[in-house]
């Protein structure tokens, strides 16, 4: 981190703003004592977001019935629409329980999800989570009688600094029903339709999942039925 005096920082302020936008930090001091700093907005909530990284392996005994993926299984980011363009800084990415549970259990296969989860923790992407996924995540420790871990999951995954938590509203239910209407994949089950509708209402442009039923429904139509 570069340190500048107040006068120098004032003179170079437009430049320092551009540098902050690119991810650089600048410390401003007066008479040798720090008085302020210019930091990227994405770093404001870094400690809270990075609590997500501390959850890796925390649920080893949870979700005993959930299938374990093979270590070689990939969990690619799939676009919700037809475009496969790269994700821009600040993009919203939906992630479901099938991708998060291996990470929380510390499974070997979770290494495929780790860079994506780290991107959310670093503020490069914004996570989108459905209420169904949050319920599944807290069910794991609750079924083991671990109220403390369940509360920890609830706090981390509902943190607005990192996640958009999508409630099951009438609008989401209607969008899910429209995803199942004639002309759409006939095999789309209600819970898959709700997961995808939640992702769309959360503004997600891509999806991270290991659920083959969900992945088979992608990409969605060019004009998803949000209304």
Protein backbone atom coordinates (compact mmCIF):
# COMPACT_ATOMS: atom_id res chain seq x y z
CA UNK A 1 0.00 0.00 0.00
CA UNK A 2 1.43 3.36 -1.03
CA UNK A 3 1.49 6.15 1.56
CA UNK A 4 1.06 9.78 0.52
CA UNK A 5 0.85 13.08 2.34
CA UNK A 6 -2.41 15.04 2.36
CA UNK A 7 -1.27 17.63 -0.21
CA UNK A 8 0.12 15.00 -2.56
CA UNK A 9 -3.05 12.93 -2.26
CA UNK A 10 -5.17 16.00 -3.00
CA UNK A 11 -3.11 16.81 -6.09
CA UNK A 12 -3.33 13.23 -7.40
CA UNK A 13 -6.89 12.54 -6.29
CA UNK A 14 -8.35 11.67 -9.75
CA UNK A 15 -5.45 9.28 -10.35
CA UNK A 16 -5.91 7.69 -6.93
CA UNK A 17 -9.62 7.15 -7.60
CA UNK A 18 -8.78 5.32 -10.82
CA UNK A 19 -6.23 3.21 -8.96
CA UNK A 20 -8.77 2.35 -6.26
CA UNK A 21 -11.19 1.29 -8.99
CA UNK A 22 -8.48 -1.08 -10.27
CA UNK A 23 -8.08 -2.61 -6.81
CA UNK A 24 -5.18 -0.60 -5.34
CA UNK A 25 -5.12 0.90 -1.84
CA UNK A 26 -3.59 4.23 -0.82
CA UNK A 27 -2.88 5.38 2.74
CA UNK A 28 -3.02 9.13 3.43
CA UNK A 29 -0.98 10.53 6.30
CA UNK A 30 -0.48 13.89 7.99
CA UNK A 31 2.83 14.57 9.75
CA UNK A 32 3.68 10.87 9.47
CA UNK A 33 0.43 9.66 11.06
CA UNK A 34 -2.24 7.79 9.00
CA UNK A 35 -5.48 9.75 8.80
CA UNK A 36 -7.40 8.17 5.90
CA UNK A 37 -7.26 5.60 3.14
CA UNK A 38 -8.62 5.10 -0.34
CA UNK A 39 -9.67 1.48 -0.86
CA UNK A 40 -11.84 -0.32 -3.45
CA UNK A 41 -15.51 -0.48 -2.48
CA UNK A 42 -15.39 -4.26 -2.79
CA UNK A 43 -13.02 -4.38 0.20
CA UNK A 44 -15.30 -2.58 2.67
CA UNK A 45 -16.89 -5.78 3.90
CA UNK A 46 -13.93 -8.11 3.33
CA UNK A 47 -13.73 -9.51 6.90
CA UNK A 48 -17.44 -10.38 6.89
CA UNK A 49 -17.37 -11.91 3.42
CA UNK A 50 -14.25 -13.93 4.16
CA UNK A 51 -16.00 -15.67 7.06
CA UNK A 52 -17.24 -17.84 4.20
CA UNK A 53 -13.73 -19.25 3.71
CA UNK A 54 -13.63 -20.35 7.35
CA UNK A 55 -16.57 -22.70 6.76
CA UNK A 56 -14.58 -25.12 4.61
CA UNK A 57 -14.73 -28.59 6.21
CA UNK A 58 -16.91 -27.34 9.08
CA UNK A 59 -19.75 -29.73 8.23
CA UNK A 60 -17.86 -33.01 7.85
CA UNK A 61 -20.50 -34.96 9.78
CA UNK A 62 -23.46 -33.19 8.18
CA UNK A 63 -25.70 -34.29 5.28
CA UNK A 64 -24.82 -38.00 5.53
CA UNK A 65 -27.43 -38.82 2.91
CA UNK A 66 -26.14 -36.38 0.31
CA UNK A 67 -24.23 -38.11 -2.50
CA UNK A 68 -20.48 -37.58 -2.57
CA UNK A 69 -19.08 -36.51 -5.91
CA UNK A 70 -16.00 -38.19 -7.30
CA UNK A 71 -12.80 -36.18 -6.96
CA UNK A 72 -12.59 -35.79 -10.73
CA UNK A 73 -16.11 -34.40 -11.07
CA UNK A 74 -16.25 -30.86 -12.35
CA UNK A 75 -18.73 -28.23 -11.29
CA UNK A 76 -18.59 -25.70 -14.10
CA UNK A 77 -20.23 -22.31 -14.09
CA UNK A 78 -23.18 -22.54 -16.45
CA UNK A 79 -24.79 -19.47 -18.03
CA UNK A 80 -28.48 -19.11 -17.24
CA UNK A 81 -29.09 -17.74 -20.73
CA UNK A 82 -27.57 -18.61 -24.06
CA UNK A 83 -24.47 -16.40 -23.80
CA UNK A 84 -21.22 -17.99 -22.65
CA UNK A 85 -19.38 -14.69 -22.26
CA UNK A 86 -17.04 -14.39 -19.29
CA UNK A 87 -18.32 -13.05 -16.00
CA UNK A 88 -17.54 -9.41 -15.35
CA UNK A 89 -16.42 -8.01 -12.01
CA UNK A 90 -19.45 -7.72 -9.74
CA UNK A 91 -21.54 -10.31 -11.62
CA UNK A 92 -24.24 -12.13 -9.68
CA UNK A 93 -23.77 -15.91 -9.66
CA UNK A 94 -26.33 -18.34 -8.24
CA UNK A 95 -25.03 -21.34 -6.31
CA UNK A 96 -27.08 -24.20 -4.92
CA UNK A 97 -26.68 -26.72 -2.11
CA UNK A 98 -25.18 -29.41 -4.35
CA UNK A 99 -22.18 -27.15 -4.96
CA UNK A 100 -21.88 -25.79 -1.41
CA UNK A 101 -22.26 -29.03 0.58
CA UNK A 102 -19.04 -30.62 -0.76
CA UNK A 103 -17.18 -27.45 0.24
CA UNK A 104 -18.71 -27.41 3.72
CA UNK A 105 -17.93 -31.12 4.19
CA UNK A 106 -14.40 -30.68 2.91
CA UNK A 107 -14.87 -33.29 0.17
CA UNK A 108 -12.02 -33.79 -2.28
CA UNK A 109 -14.34 -32.81 -5.14
CA UNK A 110 -14.87 -29.35 -3.61
CA UNK A 111 -11.62 -28.11 -5.14
CA UNK A 112 -13.64 -27.39 -8.28
CA UNK A 113 -15.93 -25.06 -6.32
CA UNK A 114 -13.23 -23.38 -4.25
CA UNK A 115 -12.14 -20.74 -6.82
CA UNK A 116 -15.79 -19.76 -7.32
CA UNK A 117 -16.47 -19.51 -3.59
CA UNK A 118 -13.23 -17.56 -3.12
CA UNK A 119 -14.37 -15.12 -5.83
CA UNK A 120 -17.56 -14.45 -3.84
CA UNK A 121 -15.58 -14.08 -0.60
CA UNK A 122 -13.22 -11.61 -2.31
CA UNK A 123 -16.11 -9.53 -3.63
CA UNK A 124 -15.34 -10.20 -7.29
CA UNK A 125 -18.75 -11.83 -7.74
CA UNK A 126 -21.97 -11.62 -5.76
CA UNK A 127 -23.58 -14.87 -4.65
CA UNK A 128 -27.29 -15.54 -5.15
CA UNK A 129 -28.92 -18.07 -2.83
CA UNK A 130 -32.46 -19.43 -2.75
CA UNK A 131 -34.34 -20.01 0.48
CA UNK A 132 -34.48 -23.70 -0.46
CA UNK A 133 -30.69 -23.84 -0.58
CA UNK A 134 -30.33 -21.98 2.73
CA UNK A 135 -32.79 -24.40 4.36
CA UNK A 136 -30.80 -27.38 3.07
CA UNK A 137 -27.54 -25.91 4.40
CA UNK A 138 -28.82 -25.30 7.94
CA UNK A 139 -30.62 -28.67 8.03
CA UNK A 140 -27.26 -30.47 7.98
CA UNK A 141 -25.96 -29.26 11.36
CA UNK A 142 -29.47 -29.14 12.89
CA UNK A 143 -29.93 -32.85 12.23
CA UNK A 144 -26.69 -33.41 14.15
CA UNK A 145 -27.99 -31.27 17.02
CA UNK A 146 -25.44 -28.54 16.31
CA UNK A 147 -27.38 -25.30 16.81
CA UNK A 148 -24.19 -23.22 16.92
CA UNK A 149 -23.01 -24.35 13.48
CA UNK A 150 -26.50 -23.90 12.03
CA UNK A 151 -26.56 -20.31 13.34
CA UNK A 152 -23.11 -19.74 11.86
CA UNK A 153 -24.28 -20.92 8.45
CA UNK A 154 -27.39 -18.76 8.67
CA UNK A 155 -25.31 -15.68 9.51
CA UNK A 156 -22.71 -16.19 6.76
CA UNK A 157 -25.10 -17.13 3.97
CA UNK A 158 -27.56 -14.33 4.71
CA UNK A 159 -24.82 -11.67 4.89
CA UNK A 160 -25.94 -8.92 2.46
CA UNK A 161 -22.31 -7.94 1.87
CA UNK A 162 -21.76 -11.14 -0.11
CA UNK A 163 -25.14 -12.70 -0.89
CA UNK A 164 -28.51 -11.90 -2.37
CA UNK A 165 -30.93 -14.16 -0.52
CA UNK A 166 -34.06 -14.69 -2.62
CA UNK A 167 -37.30 -15.20 -0.71
CA UNK A 168 -40.05 -17.46 -2.00
CA UNK A 169 -42.45 -14.74 -3.09
CA UNK A 170 -45.57 -15.08 -5.25
CA UNK A 171 -43.52 -13.67 -8.14
CA UNK A 172 -40.87 -16.39 -7.77
CA UNK A 173 -43.56 -19.08 -7.55
CA UNK A 174 -45.24 -17.75 -10.68
CA UNK A 175 -41.95 -17.64 -12.59
CA UNK A 176 -41.20 -21.22 -11.52
CA UNK A 177 -44.61 -22.35 -12.76
CA UNK A 178 -44.01 -20.63 -16.08
CA UNK A 179 -40.73 -22.48 -16.46
CA UNK A 180 -42.77 -25.70 -16.42
CA UNK A 181 -45.41 -24.67 -18.94
CA UNK A 182 -45.73 -26.29 -22.40
CA UNK A 183 -42.76 -25.62 -24.64
CA UNK A 184 -40.27 -25.83 -21.76
CA UNK A 185 -38.37 -28.96 -20.62
CA UNK A 186 -41.10 -31.42 -19.60
CA UNK A 187 -38.89 -33.12 -17.04
CA UNK A 188 -38.24 -29.98 -14.97
CA UNK A 189 -39.27 -30.83 -11.43
CA UNK A 190 -40.90 -28.22 -9.15
CA UNK A 191 -37.82 -27.81 -6.90
CA UNK A 192 -35.58 -27.30 -9.94
CA UNK A 193 -37.96 -24.71 -11.37
CA UNK A 194 -38.00 -22.88 -8.02
CA UNK A 195 -34.18 -22.91 -7.85
CA UNK A 196 -33.86 -21.46 -11.33
CA UNK A 197 -36.62 -18.89 -10.78
CA UNK A 198 -34.87 -17.75 -7.58
CA UNK A 199 -31.59 -17.38 -9.46
CA UNK A 200 -33.25 -15.23 -12.11
CA UNK A 201 -35.03 -13.04 -9.56
CA UNK A 202 -31.71 -12.57 -7.77
CA UNK A 203 -30.22 -11.12 -10.94
CA UNK A 204 -27.87 -14.05 -11.56
CA UNK A 205 -26.38 -14.49 -15.01
CA UNK A 206 -24.77 -17.87 -14.26
CA UNK A 207 -25.34 -20.92 -12.08
CA UNK A 208 -23.01 -23.18 -10.09
CA UNK A 209 -24.53 -26.59 -9.42
CA UNK A 210 -23.79 -30.31 -9.49
CA UNK A 211 -27.46 -31.22 -9.85
CA UNK A 212 -27.74 -32.93 -13.25
CA UNK A 213 -31.48 -32.22 -13.36
CA UNK A 214 -30.83 -28.51 -13.03
CA UNK A 215 -27.92 -28.45 -15.46
CA UNK A 216 -30.03 -30.29 -18.05
CA UNK A 217 -32.49 -27.36 -18.04
CA UNK A 218 -29.80 -24.84 -19.03
CA UNK A 219 -29.54 -22.59 -20.86
CA UNK A 220 -32.94 -21.07 -20.18
CA UNK A 221 -34.96 -19.33 -22.92
CA UNK A 222 -33.63 -15.99 -24.17
CA UNK A 223 -36.51 -14.24 -22.40
CA UNK A 224 -37.02 -16.09 -19.10
CA UNK A 225 -40.55 -15.87 -17.65
CA UNK A 226 -39.90 -13.42 -14.82
CA UNK A 227 -43.24 -11.68 -15.20
